[in-house]
């Protein structure tokens, strides 16, 4: 028998969501997306806000963080 987890936990490392670089929470204000929480690990940054407009004011969307690439000299 396969057990399935019904809860989803987005901790600081986000392994529960399969997002090892962290995540960002964006809130739709009615006009634009604003960053509400940056849970990126060191060396990563939030990805861009969602491309689609929100469906309602106060909508929250989670996006994965991305690794910041170092420029070689």
PDB file of N, CA and C in Angstrom:
ATOM      1  N   UNK A   1       0.841  -1.186   0.000  1.00  0.00           N
ATOM      2  CA  UNK A   1       0.000   0.000   0.000  1.00  0.00           C
ATOM      3  C   UNK A   1       0.882   1.243   0.000  1.00  0.00           C
ATOM      4  N   UNK A   2       0.582   2.174  -0.875  1.00  0.00           N
ATOM      5  CA  UNK A   2       1.331   3.426  -0.972  1.00  0.00           C
ATOM      6  C   UNK A   2       0.663   4.462  -0.103  1.00  0.00           C
ATOM      7  N   UNK A   3       1.459   5.090   0.758  1.00  0.00           N
ATOM      8  CA  UNK A   3       0.930   6.176   1.578  1.00  0.00           C
ATOM      9  C   UNK A   3       1.249   7.498   0.895  1.00  0.00           C
ATOM     10  N   UNK A   4       0.287   8.373   0.859  1.00  0.00           N
ATOM     11  CA  UNK A   4       0.468   9.692   0.252  1.00  0.00           C
ATOM     12  C   UNK A   4       0.362  10.755   1.332  1.00  0.00           C
ATOM     13  N   UNK A   5       1.224  11.734   1.242  1.00  0.00           N
ATOM     14  CA  UNK A   5       1.164  12.848   2.187  1.00  0.00           C
ATOM     15  C   UNK A   5       0.110  13.823   1.725  1.00  0.00           C
ATOM     16  N   UNK A   6      -0.772  14.186   2.599  1.00  0.00           N
ATOM     17  CA  UNK A   6      -1.798  15.156   2.242  1.00  0.00           C
ATOM     18  C   UNK A   6      -1.379  16.580   2.576  1.00  0.00           C
ATOM     19  N   UNK A   7      -0.355  16.726   3.410  1.00  0.00           N
ATOM     20  CA  UNK A   7       0.108  18.070   3.759  1.00  0.00           C
ATOM     21  C   UNK A   7       1.317  18.429   2.910  1.00  0.00           C
ATOM     22  N   UNK A   8       1.449  19.691   2.598  1.00  0.00           N
ATOM     23  CA  UNK A   8       2.590  20.192   1.851  1.00  0.00           C
ATOM     24  C   UNK A   8       3.256  21.253   2.707  1.00  0.00           C
ATOM     25  N   UNK A   9       4.535  21.067   2.987  1.00  0.00           N
ATOM     26  CA  UNK A   9       5.272  21.990   3.840  1.00  0.00           C
ATOM     27  C   UNK A   9       6.360  22.650   3.017  1.00  0.00           C
ATOM     28  N   UNK A  10       6.367  23.965   2.977  1.00  0.00           N
ATOM     29  CA  UNK A  10       7.417  24.695   2.273  1.00  0.00           C
ATOM     30  C   UNK A  10       8.343  25.294   3.319  1.00  0.00           C
ATOM     31  N   UNK A  11       9.294  24.520   3.785  1.00  0.00           N
ATOM     32  CA  UNK A  11      10.255  24.982   4.767  1.00  0.00           C
ATOM     33  C   UNK A  11      11.339  25.811   4.112  1.00  0.00           C
ATOM     34  N   UNK A  12      12.395  26.114   4.860  1.00  0.00           N
ATOM     35  CA  UNK A  12      13.441  26.965   4.315  1.00  0.00           C
ATOM     36  C   UNK A  12      14.221  26.298   3.200  1.00  0.00           C
ATOM     37  N   UNK A  13      14.276  24.974   3.188  1.00  0.00           N
ATOM     38  CA  UNK A  13      15.009  24.322   2.099  1.00  0.00           C
ATOM     39  C   UNK A  13      14.076  23.811   1.012  1.00  0.00           C
ATOM     40  N   UNK A  14      12.797  23.702   1.297  1.00  0.00           N
ATOM     41  CA  UNK A  14      11.756  23.362   0.327  1.00  0.00           C
ATOM     42  C   UNK A  14      11.873  21.965  -0.257  1.00  0.00           C
ATOM     43  N   UNK A  15      12.526  21.043   0.387  1.00  0.00           N
ATOM     44  CA  UNK A  15      12.616  19.694  -0.169  1.00  0.00           C
ATOM     45  C   UNK A  15      11.244  19.062  -0.283  1.00  0.00           C
ATOM     46  N   UNK A  16      10.303  19.432   0.580  1.00  0.00           N
ATOM     47  CA  UNK A  16       8.962  18.881   0.511  1.00  0.00           C
ATOM     48  C   UNK A  16       8.250  19.230  -0.787  1.00  0.00           C
ATOM     49  N   UNK A  17       8.639  20.312  -1.422  1.00  0.00           N
ATOM     50  CA  UNK A  17       8.027  20.721  -2.690  1.00  0.00           C
ATOM     51  C   UNK A  17       8.943  20.429  -3.871  1.00  0.00           C
ATOM     52  N   UNK A  18      10.097  19.833  -3.622  1.00  0.00           N
ATOM     53  CA  UNK A  18      11.011  19.553  -4.720  1.00  0.00           C
ATOM     54  C   UNK A  18      11.685  20.800  -5.257  1.00  0.00           C
ATOM     55  N   UNK A  19      11.804  21.828  -4.438  1.00  0.00           N
ATOM     56  CA  UNK A  19      12.426  23.082  -4.855  1.00  0.00           C
ATOM     57  C   UNK A  19      13.652  23.314  -3.980  1.00  0.00           C
ATOM     58  N   UNK A  20      14.790  22.740  -4.346  1.00  0.00           N
ATOM     59  CA  UNK A  20      15.960  22.819  -3.463  1.00  0.00           C
ATOM     60  C   UNK A  20      16.574  24.201  -3.316  1.00  0.00           C
ATOM     61  N   UNK A  21      16.273  25.164  -4.200  1.00  0.00           N
ATOM     62  CA  UNK A  21      16.861  26.495  -4.109  1.00  0.00           C
ATOM     63  C   UNK A  21      15.988  27.465  -3.326  1.00  0.00           C
ATOM     64  N   UNK A  22      14.846  27.015  -2.858  1.00  0.00           N
ATOM     65  CA  UNK A  22      13.949  27.891  -2.114  1.00  0.00           C
ATOM     66  C   UNK A  22      12.773  28.328  -2.972  1.00  0.00           C
ATOM     67  N   UNK A  23      12.049  29.302  -2.463  1.00  0.00           N
ATOM     68  CA  UNK A  23      10.849  29.762  -3.158  1.00  0.00           C
ATOM     69  C   UNK A  23      10.568  31.216  -2.805  1.00  0.00           C
ATOM     70  N   UNK A  24       9.650  31.808  -3.541  1.00  0.00           N
ATOM     71  CA  UNK A  24       9.179  33.163  -3.276  1.00  0.00           C
ATOM     72  C   UNK A  24       7.659  33.141  -3.295  1.00  0.00           C
ATOM     73  N   UNK A  25       7.055  33.943  -2.432  1.00  0.00           N
ATOM     74  CA  UNK A  25       5.602  34.094  -2.435  1.00  0.00           C
ATOM     75  C   UNK A  25       5.267  35.476  -2.978  1.00  0.00           C
ATOM     76  N   UNK A  26       4.428  35.519  -3.994  1.00  0.00           N
ATOM     77  CA  UNK A  26       4.003  36.755  -4.628  1.00  0.00           C
ATOM     78  C   UNK A  26       2.531  36.980  -4.345  1.00  0.00           C
ATOM     79  N   UNK A  27       2.158  38.222  -4.063  1.00  0.00           N
ATOM     80  CA  UNK A  27       0.758  38.569  -3.816  1.00  0.00           C
ATOM     81  C   UNK A  27       0.281  39.540  -4.890  1.00  0.00           C
ATOM     82  N   UNK A  28      -0.905  39.260  -5.426  1.00  0.00           N
ATOM     83  CA  UNK A  28      -1.493  40.152  -6.431  1.00  0.00           C
ATOM     84  C   UNK A  28      -2.233  41.282  -5.723  1.00  0.00           C
ATOM     85  N   UNK A  29      -1.873  42.529  -6.051  1.00  0.00           N
ATOM     86  CA  UNK A  29      -2.452  43.696  -5.368  1.00  0.00           C
ATOM     87  C   UNK A  29      -3.664  44.263  -6.091  1.00  0.00           C
ATOM     88  N   UNK A  30      -4.010  43.690  -7.216  1.00  0.00           N
ATOM     89  CA  UNK A  30      -5.076  44.234  -8.040  1.00  0.00           C
ATOM     90  C   UNK A  30      -4.520  44.884  -9.296  1.00  0.00           C
ATOM     91  N   UNK A  31      -3.251  45.298  -9.226  1.00  0.00           N
ATOM     92  CA  UNK A  31      -2.586  45.923 -10.373  1.00  0.00           C
ATOM     93  C   UNK A  31      -1.313  45.185 -10.776  1.00  0.00           C
ATOM     94  N   UNK A  32      -0.621  44.614  -9.809  1.00  0.00           N
ATOM     95  CA  UNK A  32       0.666  43.975 -10.070  1.00  0.00           C
ATOM     96  C   UNK A  32       0.961  42.945  -8.986  1.00  0.00           C
ATOM     97  N   UNK A  33       1.981  42.121  -9.231  1.00  0.00           N
ATOM     98  CA  UNK A  33       2.451  41.151  -8.238  1.00  0.00           C
ATOM     99  C   UNK A  33       3.516  41.815  -7.378  1.00  0.00           C
ATOM    100  N   UNK A  34       3.431  41.648  -6.047  1.00  0.00           N
ATOM    101  CA  UNK A  34       4.442  42.161  -5.117  1.00  0.00           C
ATOM    102  C   UNK A  34       5.023  40.991  -4.342  1.00  0.00           C
ATOM    103  N   UNK A  35       6.338  41.024  -4.158  1.00  0.00           N
ATOM    104  CA  UNK A  35       7.022  39.970  -3.407  1.00  0.00           C
ATOM    105  C   UNK A  35       6.658  40.082  -1.934  1.00  0.00           C
ATOM    106  N   UNK A  36       6.110  39.021  -1.367  1.00  0.00           N
ATOM    107  CA  UNK A  36       5.714  39.012   0.042  1.00  0.00           C
ATOM    108  C   UNK A  36       6.677  38.209   0.903  1.00  0.00           C
ATOM    109  N   UNK A  37       7.312  37.187   0.337  1.00  0.00           N
ATOM    110  CA  UNK A  37       8.257  36.383   1.117  1.00  0.00           C
ATOM    111  C   UNK A  37       9.326  35.853   0.193  1.00  0.00           C
ATOM    112  N   UNK A  38      10.581  36.031   0.583  1.00  0.00           N
ATOM    113  CA  UNK A  38      11.724  35.484  -0.142  1.00  0.00           C
ATOM    114  C   UNK A  38      12.347  34.404   0.730  1.00  0.00           C
ATOM    115  N   UNK A  39      12.137  33.157   0.376  1.00  0.00           N
ATOM    116  CA  UNK A  39      12.698  32.028   1.126  1.00  0.00           C
ATOM    117  C   UNK A  39      13.770  31.335   0.301  1.00  0.00           C
ATOM    118  N   UNK A  40      14.554  32.123  -0.425  1.00  0.00           N
ATOM    119  CA  UNK A  40      15.650  31.587  -1.233  1.00  0.00           C
ATOM    120  C   UNK A  40      16.817  31.213  -0.336  1.00  0.00           C
ATOM    121  N   UNK A  41      17.540  30.164  -0.716  1.00  0.00           N
ATOM    122  CA  UNK A  41      18.747  29.806   0.029  1.00  0.00           C
ATOM    123  C   UNK A  41      19.868  30.745  -0.415  1.00  0.00           C
ATOM    124  N   UNK A  42      20.959  30.844   0.345  1.00  0.00           N
ATOM    125  CA  UNK A  42      22.084  31.672  -0.080  1.00  0.00           C
ATOM    126  C   UNK A  42      22.593  31.234  -1.452  1.00  0.00           C
ATOM    127  N   UNK A  43      22.842  32.186  -2.330  1.00  0.00           N
ATOM    128  CA  UNK A  43      23.294  31.893  -3.682  1.00  0.00           C
ATOM    129  C   UNK A  43      22.150  31.784  -4.678  1.00  0.00           C
ATOM    130  N   UNK A  44      20.917  31.961  -4.218  1.00  0.00           N
ATOM    131  CA  UNK A  44      19.748  31.914  -5.108  1.00  0.00           C
ATOM    132  C   UNK A  44      18.938  33.192  -4.924  1.00  0.00           C
ATOM    133  N   UNK A  45      18.046  33.449  -5.851  1.00  0.00           N
ATOM    134  CA  UNK A  45      17.188  34.628  -5.773  1.00  0.00           C
ATOM    135  C   UNK A  45      15.801  34.260  -6.290  1.00  0.00           C
ATOM    136  N   UNK A  46      14.777  35.035  -5.908  1.00  0.00           N
ATOM    137  CA  UNK A  46      13.439  34.739  -6.418  1.00  0.00           C
ATOM    138  C   UNK A  46      13.395  34.870  -7.939  1.00  0.00           C
ATOM    139  N   UNK A  47      12.608  34.022  -8.573  1.00  0.00           N
ATOM    140  CA  UNK A  47      12.401  34.186 -10.007  1.00  0.00           C
ATOM    141  C   UNK A  47      11.481  35.380 -10.228  1.00  0.00           C
ATOM    142  N   UNK A  48      11.271  35.737 -11.467  1.00  0.00           N
ATOM    143  CA  UNK A  48      10.397  36.868 -11.791  1.00  0.00           C
ATOM    144  C   UNK A  48       8.979  36.588 -11.299  1.00  0.00           C
ATOM    145  N   UNK A  49       8.190  37.645 -11.113  1.00  0.00           N
ATOM    146  CA  UNK A  49       6.798  37.440 -10.691  1.00  0.00           C
ATOM    147  C   UNK A  49       6.019  36.690 -11.772  1.00  0.00           C
ATOM    148  N   UNK A  50       4.880  36.132 -11.419  1.00  0.00           N
ATOM    149  CA  UNK A  50       4.071  35.423 -12.417  1.00  0.00           C
ATOM    150  C   UNK A  50       3.759  36.320 -13.617  1.00  0.00           C
ATOM    151  N   UNK A  51       3.719  35.727 -14.788  1.00  0.00           N
ATOM    152  CA  UNK A  51       3.452  36.475 -16.026  1.00  0.00           C
ATOM    153  C   UNK A  51       1.973  36.834 -16.173  1.00  0.00           C
ATOM    154  N   UNK A  52       1.103  35.946 -15.737  1.00  0.00           N
ATOM    155  CA  UNK A  52      -0.342  36.162 -15.867  1.00  0.00           C
ATOM    156  C   UNK A  52      -0.825  37.088 -14.755  1.00  0.00           C
ATOM    157  N   UNK A  53      -1.780  37.966 -15.046  1.00  0.00           N
ATOM    158  CA  UNK A  53      -2.343  38.777 -13.969  1.00  0.00           C
ATOM    159  C   UNK A  53      -3.099  37.888 -12.985  1.00  0.00           C
ATOM    160  N   UNK A  54      -3.205  38.353 -11.773  1.00  0.00           N
ATOM    161  CA  UNK A  54      -3.926  37.593 -10.762  1.00  0.00           C
ATOM    162  C   UNK A  54      -5.416  37.558 -11.043  1.00  0.00           C
ATOM    163  N   UNK A  55      -6.082  36.607 -10.419  1.00  0.00           N
ATOM    164  CA  UNK A  55      -7.523  36.472 -10.587  1.00  0.00           C
ATOM    165  C   UNK A  55      -8.297  37.365  -9.624  1.00  0.00           C
ATOM    166  N   UNK A  56      -7.650  37.706  -8.492  1.00  0.00           N
ATOM    167  CA  UNK A  56      -8.307  38.540  -7.493  1.00  0.00           C
ATOM    168  C   UNK A  56      -7.249  39.173  -6.600  1.00  0.00           C
ATOM    169  N   UNK A  57      -7.585  40.291  -5.979  1.00  0.00           N
ATOM    170  CA  UNK A  57      -6.679  40.973  -5.053  1.00  0.00           C
ATOM    171  C   UNK A  57      -6.412  40.065  -3.860  1.00  0.00           C
ATOM    172  N   UNK A  58      -5.142  39.916  -3.499  1.00  0.00           N
ATOM    173  CA  UNK A  58      -4.761  39.077  -2.371  1.00  0.00           C
ATOM    174  C   UNK A  58      -4.383  37.660  -2.759  1.00  0.00           C
ATOM    175  N   UNK A  59      -4.474  37.321  -4.051  1.00  0.00           N
ATOM    176  CA  UNK A  59      -4.080  35.989  -4.509  1.00  0.00           C
ATOM    177  C   UNK A  59      -2.592  35.790  -4.263  1.00  0.00           C
ATOM    178  N   UNK A  60      -2.211  34.620  -3.782  1.00  0.00           N
ATOM    179  CA  UNK A  60      -0.808  34.289  -3.512  1.00  0.00           C
ATOM    180  C   UNK A  60      -0.362  33.216  -4.485  1.00  0.00           C
ATOM    181  N   UNK A  61       0.831  33.399  -5.064  1.00  0.00           N
ATOM    182  CA  UNK A  61       1.432  32.400  -5.943  1.00  0.00           C
ATOM    183  C   UNK A  61       2.844  32.137  -5.462  1.00  0.00           C
ATOM    184  N   UNK A  62       3.259  30.883  -5.475  1.00  0.00           N
ATOM    185  CA  UNK A  62       4.625  30.512  -5.121  1.00  0.00           C
ATOM    186  C   UNK A  62       5.402  30.240  -6.404  1.00  0.00           C
ATOM    187  N   UNK A  63       6.630  30.749  -6.457  1.00  0.00           N
ATOM    188  CA  UNK A  63       7.513  30.482  -7.589  1.00  0.00           C
ATOM    189  C   UNK A  63       8.844  29.978  -7.052  1.00  0.00           C
ATOM    190  N   UNK A  64       9.521  29.106  -7.797  1.00  0.00           N
ATOM    191  CA  UNK A  64      10.813  28.598  -7.332  1.00  0.00           C
ATOM    192  C   UNK A  64      11.893  29.673  -7.438  1.00  0.00           C
ATOM    193  N   UNK A  65      12.859  29.590  -6.552  1.00  0.00           N
ATOM    194  CA  UNK A  65      14.022  30.472  -6.636  1.00  0.00           C
ATOM    195  C   UNK A  65      14.989  29.896  -7.658  1.00  0.00           C
ATOM    196  N   UNK A  66      15.860  30.747  -8.170  1.00  0.00           N
ATOM    197  CA  UNK A  66      16.823  30.326  -9.174  1.00  0.00           C
ATOM    198  C   UNK A  66      18.236  30.615  -8.680  1.00  0.00           C
ATOM    199  N   UNK A  67      19.184  29.842  -9.173  1.00  0.00           N
ATOM    200  CA  UNK A  67      20.582  30.020  -8.795  1.00  0.00           C
ATOM    201  C   UNK A  67      21.138  31.231  -9.535  1.00  0.00           C
ATOM    202  N   UNK A  68      21.850  32.077  -8.811  1.00  0.00           N
ATOM    203  CA  UNK A  68      22.495  33.225  -9.424  1.00  0.00           C
ATOM    204  C   UNK A  68      23.814  32.750  -9.996  1.00  0.00           C
ATOM    205  N   UNK A  69      24.014  32.961 -11.285  1.00  0.00           N
ATOM    206  CA  UNK A  69      25.224  32.498 -11.956  1.00  0.00           C
ATOM    207  C   UNK A  69      26.356  33.488 -11.714  1.00  0.00           C
ATOM    208  N   UNK A  70      27.528  32.958 -11.431  1.00  0.00           N
ATOM    209  CA  UNK A  70      28.711  33.808 -11.245  1.00  0.00           C
ATOM    210  C   UNK A  70      29.358  34.030 -12.598  1.00  0.00           C
ATOM    211  N   UNK A  71      29.809  35.249 -12.853  1.00  0.00           N
ATOM    212  CA  UNK A  71      30.495  35.548 -14.092  1.00  0.00           C
ATOM    213  C   UNK A  71      31.979  35.235 -13.917  1.00  0.00           C
ATOM    214  N   UNK A  72      32.522  34.503 -14.872  1.00  0.00           N
ATOM    215  CA  UNK A  72      33.953  34.200 -14.792  1.00  0.00           C
ATOM    216  C   UNK A  72      34.735  35.299 -15.502  1.00  0.00           C
ATOM    217  N   UNK A  73      35.920  35.581 -14.992  1.00  0.00           N
ATOM    218  CA  UNK A  73      36.709  36.659 -15.583  1.00  0.00           C
ATOM    219  C   UNK A  73      37.726  36.142 -16.558  1.00  0.00           C
TER     220      UNK A  73
END
